[in-house]
Amino acid sequence: MDHEQYVELVLQCVEAVPRGRVTTYGAVAEVVGAVAGGGGPRLVGSVMAGHGAPVPWWRVVRADGSLPPSHQGEARQAYLEEGTPLRPNGNVDIKRAFWRPPDLG
């Protein structure tokens, strides 16, 4: 599978995350990697950094429910608008908000 196909699969997964829910870079990597033959959370992060603007990027978080500091302001507004469960520290409550992308294969 070429890089463009990998990018499309990552973006397809992110577009499917419902409002008010989140998934993790690792969960996307697991689902896409099963079809693409590999690629980890860092590759998903790279795809999102380079191609994620048109999709709901704020719905993909680290395993602890956090985002990079540069994304927190805009993401927090989206979480509040969508009713995403948050913890007192501002991170997403991953236990309540996690959504696992369906298998692509």
N, C-alpha and C. Protein backbone atom coordinates (compact mmCIF):
# COMPACT_ATOMS: atom_id res chain seq x y z
N MET A 1 0.85 -1.19 0.00
CA MET A 1 0.00 0.00 0.00
C MET A 1 0.88 1.24 0.00
N ASP A 2 0.54 2.20 -0.83
CA ASP A 2 1.36 3.41 -0.89
C ASP A 2 0.91 4.42 0.16
N HIS A 3 1.71 5.47 0.30
CA HIS A 3 1.46 6.47 1.34
C HIS A 3 0.12 7.17 1.16
N GLU A 4 -0.25 7.48 -0.08
CA GLU A 4 -1.52 8.16 -0.33
C GLU A 4 -2.71 7.33 0.14
N GLN A 5 -2.65 6.02 -0.07
CA GLN A 5 -3.72 5.14 0.38
C GLN A 5 -3.77 5.11 1.91
N TYR A 6 -2.59 5.08 2.53
CA TYR A 6 -2.53 5.09 4.00
C TYR A 6 -3.17 6.37 4.53
N VAL A 7 -2.82 7.50 3.94
CA VAL A 7 -3.38 8.79 4.34
C VAL A 7 -4.91 8.75 4.23
N GLU A 8 -5.41 8.25 3.12
CA GLU A 8 -6.86 8.18 2.91
C GLU A 8 -7.54 7.32 3.96
N LEU A 9 -6.94 6.20 4.33
CA LEU A 9 -7.52 5.34 5.35
C LEU A 9 -7.54 6.01 6.73
N VAL A 10 -6.46 6.71 7.06
CA VAL A 10 -6.42 7.44 8.33
C VAL A 10 -7.52 8.49 8.36
N LEU A 11 -7.63 9.27 7.31
CA LEU A 11 -8.64 10.33 7.27
C LEU A 11 -10.05 9.75 7.29
N GLN A 12 -10.24 8.61 6.65
CA GLN A 12 -11.54 7.93 6.66
C GLN A 12 -11.91 7.54 8.09
N CYS A 13 -10.95 7.01 8.84
CA CYS A 13 -11.19 6.64 10.24
C CYS A 13 -11.57 7.87 11.06
N VAL A 14 -10.83 8.95 10.89
CA VAL A 14 -11.07 10.15 11.69
C VAL A 14 -12.43 10.75 11.35
N GLU A 15 -12.80 10.75 10.09
CA GLU A 15 -14.11 11.28 9.70
C GLU A 15 -15.26 10.50 10.32
N ALA A 16 -15.03 9.23 10.64
CA ALA A 16 -16.08 8.38 11.19
C ALA A 16 -16.30 8.56 12.69
N VAL A 17 -15.38 9.23 13.38
CA VAL A 17 -15.52 9.40 14.84
C VAL A 17 -16.74 10.29 15.09
N PRO A 18 -17.70 9.78 15.88
CA PRO A 18 -18.91 10.57 16.14
C PRO A 18 -18.65 11.82 16.97
N ARG A 19 -19.52 12.81 16.83
CA ARG A 19 -19.47 14.03 17.66
C ARG A 19 -19.51 13.63 19.12
N GLY A 20 -18.71 14.32 19.92
CA GLY A 20 -18.70 14.07 21.35
C GLY A 20 -17.90 12.85 21.78
N ARG A 21 -17.25 12.21 20.84
CA ARG A 21 -16.43 11.03 21.12
C ARG A 21 -15.03 11.27 20.58
N VAL A 22 -14.07 10.47 21.03
CA VAL A 22 -12.70 10.55 20.54
C VAL A 22 -12.15 9.16 20.32
N THR A 23 -11.09 9.11 19.57
CA THR A 23 -10.30 7.89 19.43
C THR A 23 -8.85 8.30 19.66
N THR A 24 -7.96 7.33 19.65
CA THR A 24 -6.55 7.62 19.89
C THR A 24 -5.73 7.37 18.63
N TYR A 25 -4.55 7.98 18.61
CA TYR A 25 -3.62 7.73 17.50
C TYR A 25 -3.34 6.23 17.38
N GLY A 26 -3.20 5.57 18.53
CA GLY A 26 -2.92 4.14 18.55
C GLY A 26 -4.06 3.31 18.00
N ALA A 27 -5.30 3.66 18.32
CA ALA A 27 -6.46 2.92 17.82
C ALA A 27 -6.57 3.07 16.31
N VAL A 28 -6.34 4.27 15.80
CA VAL A 28 -6.37 4.48 14.35
C VAL A 28 -5.25 3.68 13.70
N ALA A 29 -4.06 3.72 14.30
CA ALA A 29 -2.92 2.97 13.75
C ALA A 29 -3.21 1.48 13.70
N GLU A 30 -3.86 0.97 14.73
CA GLU A 30 -4.18 -0.46 14.78
C GLU A 30 -5.12 -0.86 13.65
N VAL A 31 -6.18 -0.08 13.47
CA VAL A 31 -7.18 -0.40 12.45
C VAL A 31 -6.61 -0.22 11.04
N VAL A 32 -5.94 0.90 10.80
CA VAL A 32 -5.37 1.16 9.48
C VAL A 32 -4.21 0.19 9.21
N GLY A 33 -3.39 -0.06 10.21
CA GLY A 33 -2.26 -0.97 10.05
C GLY A 33 -2.66 -2.38 9.71
N ALA A 34 -3.84 -2.81 10.17
CA ALA A 34 -4.32 -4.16 9.86
C ALA A 34 -4.57 -4.33 8.36
N VAL A 35 -4.93 -3.24 7.70
CA VAL A 35 -5.18 -3.26 6.26
C VAL A 35 -3.92 -2.88 5.48
N ALA A 36 -3.19 -1.90 6.04
CA ALA A 36 -2.04 -1.34 5.32
C ALA A 36 -0.75 -2.10 5.57
N GLY A 37 -0.77 -3.02 6.52
CA GLY A 37 0.43 -3.78 6.79
C GLY A 37 1.44 -3.07 7.66
N GLY A 38 0.98 -2.24 8.59
CA GLY A 38 1.89 -1.59 9.52
C GLY A 38 1.63 -0.11 9.67
N GLY A 39 2.49 0.50 10.48
CA GLY A 39 2.37 1.93 10.77
C GLY A 39 1.84 2.11 12.17
N GLY A 40 2.49 2.93 12.95
CA GLY A 40 2.12 3.11 14.34
C GLY A 40 1.50 4.47 14.61
N PRO A 41 1.30 4.78 15.89
CA PRO A 41 0.69 6.06 16.28
C PRO A 41 1.45 7.28 15.77
N ARG A 42 2.76 7.20 15.71
CA ARG A 42 3.53 8.36 15.21
C ARG A 42 3.26 8.63 13.74
N LEU A 43 3.09 7.57 12.97
CA LEU A 43 2.76 7.76 11.56
C LEU A 43 1.37 8.38 11.41
N VAL A 44 0.42 7.93 12.23
CA VAL A 44 -0.91 8.54 12.22
C VAL A 44 -0.80 10.02 12.58
N GLY A 45 0.00 10.34 13.59
CA GLY A 45 0.21 11.74 13.97
C GLY A 45 0.80 12.55 12.83
N SER A 46 1.73 11.96 12.11
CA SER A 46 2.34 12.64 10.97
C SER A 46 1.30 12.89 9.88
N VAL A 47 0.47 11.90 9.62
CA VAL A 47 -0.59 12.06 8.62
C VAL A 47 -1.53 13.18 9.05
N MET A 48 -1.91 13.18 10.33
CA MET A 48 -2.83 14.21 10.82
C MET A 48 -2.21 15.60 10.74
N ALA A 49 -0.93 15.70 11.04
CA ALA A 49 -0.24 17.00 10.98
C ALA A 49 -0.21 17.53 9.54
N GLY A 50 -0.01 16.65 8.59
CA GLY A 50 0.12 17.08 7.21
C GLY A 50 -1.17 17.14 6.41
N HIS A 51 -2.17 16.35 6.83
CA HIS A 51 -3.37 16.22 6.00
C HIS A 51 -4.68 16.32 6.79
N GLY A 52 -4.62 16.51 8.10
CA GLY A 52 -5.80 16.40 8.94
C GLY A 52 -6.70 17.61 9.05
N ALA A 53 -6.32 18.73 8.46
CA ALA A 53 -7.12 19.96 8.61
C ALA A 53 -8.58 19.80 8.20
N PRO A 54 -8.90 19.08 7.11
CA PRO A 54 -10.31 19.02 6.70
C PRO A 54 -11.18 18.06 7.52
N VAL A 55 -10.59 17.26 8.37
CA VAL A 55 -11.36 16.30 9.16
C VAL A 55 -11.39 16.76 10.62
N PRO A 56 -12.26 16.17 11.46
CA PRO A 56 -12.34 16.58 12.87
C PRO A 56 -11.14 16.10 13.67
N TRP A 57 -9.99 16.72 13.48
CA TRP A 57 -8.71 16.31 14.06
C TRP A 57 -8.74 16.30 15.58
N TRP A 58 -9.57 17.14 16.19
CA TRP A 58 -9.63 17.21 17.64
C TRP A 58 -10.20 15.94 18.26
N ARG A 59 -10.78 15.09 17.44
CA ARG A 59 -11.34 13.83 17.94
C ARG A 59 -10.30 12.72 18.00
N VAL A 60 -9.04 13.04 17.69
CA VAL A 60 -7.94 12.08 17.83
C VAL A 60 -7.00 12.62 18.89
N VAL A 61 -6.85 11.86 19.97
CA VAL A 61 -6.07 12.31 21.11
C VAL A 61 -5.03 11.27 21.48
N ARG A 62 -4.13 11.66 22.36
CA ARG A 62 -3.16 10.71 22.92
C ARG A 62 -3.91 9.74 23.83
N ALA A 63 -3.26 8.65 24.18
CA ALA A 63 -3.89 7.61 25.00
C ALA A 63 -4.34 8.13 26.35
N ASP A 64 -3.73 9.21 26.85
CA ASP A 64 -4.13 9.77 28.14
C ASP A 64 -5.24 10.83 28.00
N GLY A 65 -5.73 11.02 26.78
CA GLY A 65 -6.80 11.98 26.55
C GLY A 65 -6.34 13.39 26.26
N SER A 66 -5.03 13.58 26.11
CA SER A 66 -4.50 14.92 25.88
C SER A 66 -4.18 15.16 24.41
N LEU A 67 -4.03 16.43 24.10
CA LEU A 67 -3.58 16.87 22.78
C LEU A 67 -2.30 17.66 22.97
N PRO A 68 -1.53 17.84 21.90
CA PRO A 68 -0.37 18.73 22.02
C PRO A 68 -0.84 20.12 22.47
N PRO A 69 -0.05 20.82 23.30
CA PRO A 69 -0.45 22.14 23.80
C PRO A 69 -0.89 23.12 22.72
N SER A 70 -0.30 23.05 21.55
CA SER A 70 -0.65 23.98 20.48
C SER A 70 -2.08 23.79 19.98
N HIS A 71 -2.70 22.64 20.26
CA HIS A 71 -4.04 22.35 19.77
C HIS A 71 -5.13 22.54 20.82
N GLN A 72 -4.74 22.73 22.07
CA GLN A 72 -5.71 22.64 23.15
C GLN A 72 -6.81 23.69 23.10
N GLY A 73 -6.50 24.93 22.76
CA GLY A 73 -7.52 25.98 22.76
C GLY A 73 -8.64 25.71 21.79
N GLU A 74 -8.30 25.47 20.55
CA GLU A 74 -9.30 25.22 19.52
C GLU A 74 -10.05 23.92 19.79
N ALA A 75 -9.32 22.90 20.23
CA ALA A 75 -9.94 21.61 20.51
C ALA A 75 -10.91 21.72 21.67
N ARG A 76 -10.52 22.44 22.72
CA ARG A 76 -11.39 22.57 23.89
C ARG A 76 -12.74 23.18 23.50
N GLN A 77 -12.71 24.17 22.64
CA GLN A 77 -13.96 24.78 22.17
C GLN A 77 -14.81 23.74 21.45
N ALA A 78 -14.20 22.93 20.61
CA ALA A 78 -14.95 21.88 19.90
C ALA A 78 -15.51 20.87 20.88
N TYR A 79 -14.73 20.49 21.90
CA TYR A 79 -15.22 19.53 22.90
C TYR A 79 -16.44 20.08 23.62
N LEU A 80 -16.39 21.34 24.00
CA LEU A 80 -17.51 21.95 24.70
C LEU A 80 -18.75 22.00 23.80
N GLU A 81 -18.57 22.35 22.54
CA GLU A 81 -19.69 22.42 21.60
C GLU A 81 -20.30 21.05 21.34
N GLU A 82 -19.45 20.01 21.33
CA GLU A 82 -19.92 18.66 21.01
C GLU A 82 -20.34 17.87 22.25
N GLY A 83 -20.08 18.41 23.44
CA GLY A 83 -20.43 17.69 24.66
C GLY A 83 -19.51 16.53 24.97
N THR A 84 -18.26 16.62 24.54
CA THR A 84 -17.28 15.57 24.81
C THR A 84 -16.96 15.55 26.31
N PRO A 85 -17.03 14.39 26.96
CA PRO A 85 -16.70 14.33 28.39
C PRO A 85 -15.25 14.73 28.66
N LEU A 86 -15.07 15.67 29.59
CA LEU A 86 -13.74 16.15 29.94
C LEU A 86 -13.45 15.86 31.40
N ARG A 87 -12.17 15.73 31.72
CA ARG A 87 -11.72 15.58 33.10
C ARG A 87 -11.44 16.97 33.66
N PRO A 88 -11.34 17.08 34.98
CA PRO A 88 -11.08 18.40 35.59
C PRO A 88 -9.81 19.09 35.08
N ASN A 89 -8.81 18.30 34.63
CA ASN A 89 -7.56 18.90 34.14
C ASN A 89 -7.67 19.40 32.69
N GLY A 90 -8.83 19.23 32.07
CA GLY A 90 -9.04 19.71 30.71
C GLY A 90 -8.84 18.66 29.64
N ASN A 91 -8.22 17.54 30.00
CA ASN A 91 -8.08 16.44 29.03
C ASN A 91 -9.43 15.77 28.81
N VAL A 92 -9.54 15.07 27.70
CA VAL A 92 -10.74 14.28 27.43
C VAL A 92 -10.79 13.13 28.44
N ASP A 93 -11.98 12.82 28.92
CA ASP A 93 -12.19 11.65 29.78
C ASP A 93 -12.24 10.44 28.86
N ILE A 94 -11.09 9.84 28.64
CA ILE A 94 -10.94 8.79 27.64
C ILE A 94 -11.83 7.58 27.95
N LYS A 95 -12.04 7.30 29.22
CA LYS A 95 -12.89 6.15 29.59
C LYS A 95 -14.33 6.36 29.15
N ARG A 96 -14.80 7.58 29.20
CA ARG A 96 -16.19 7.87 28.83
C ARG A 96 -16.35 8.23 27.36
N ALA A 97 -15.31 8.77 26.74
CA ALA A 97 -15.44 9.31 25.38
C ALA A 97 -14.86 8.41 24.30
N PHE A 98 -14.12 7.36 24.67
CA PHE A 98 -13.40 6.57 23.66
C PHE A 98 -14.36 5.87 22.69
N TRP A 99 -13.99 5.93 21.42
CA TRP A 99 -14.71 5.25 20.34
C TRP A 99 -13.68 4.49 19.52
N ARG A 100 -13.89 3.20 19.35
CA ARG A 100 -12.94 2.39 18.57
C ARG A 100 -13.38 2.37 17.12
N PRO A 101 -12.47 2.76 16.22
CA PRO A 101 -12.81 2.71 14.80
C PRO A 101 -13.10 1.27 14.38
N PRO A 102 -14.10 1.07 13.53
CA PRO A 102 -14.39 -0.29 13.06
C PRO A 102 -13.28 -0.80 12.15
N ASP A 103 -13.18 -2.10 12.06
CA ASP A 103 -12.20 -2.70 11.16
C ASP A 103 -12.49 -2.28 9.73
N LEU A 104 -11.42 -2.05 8.99
CA LEU A 104 -11.56 -1.61 7.60
C LEU A 104 -11.56 -2.77 6.62
N GLY A 105 -11.12 -3.92 7.07
CA GLY A 105 -10.99 -5.06 6.17
C GLY A 105 -12.21 -5.84 6.06
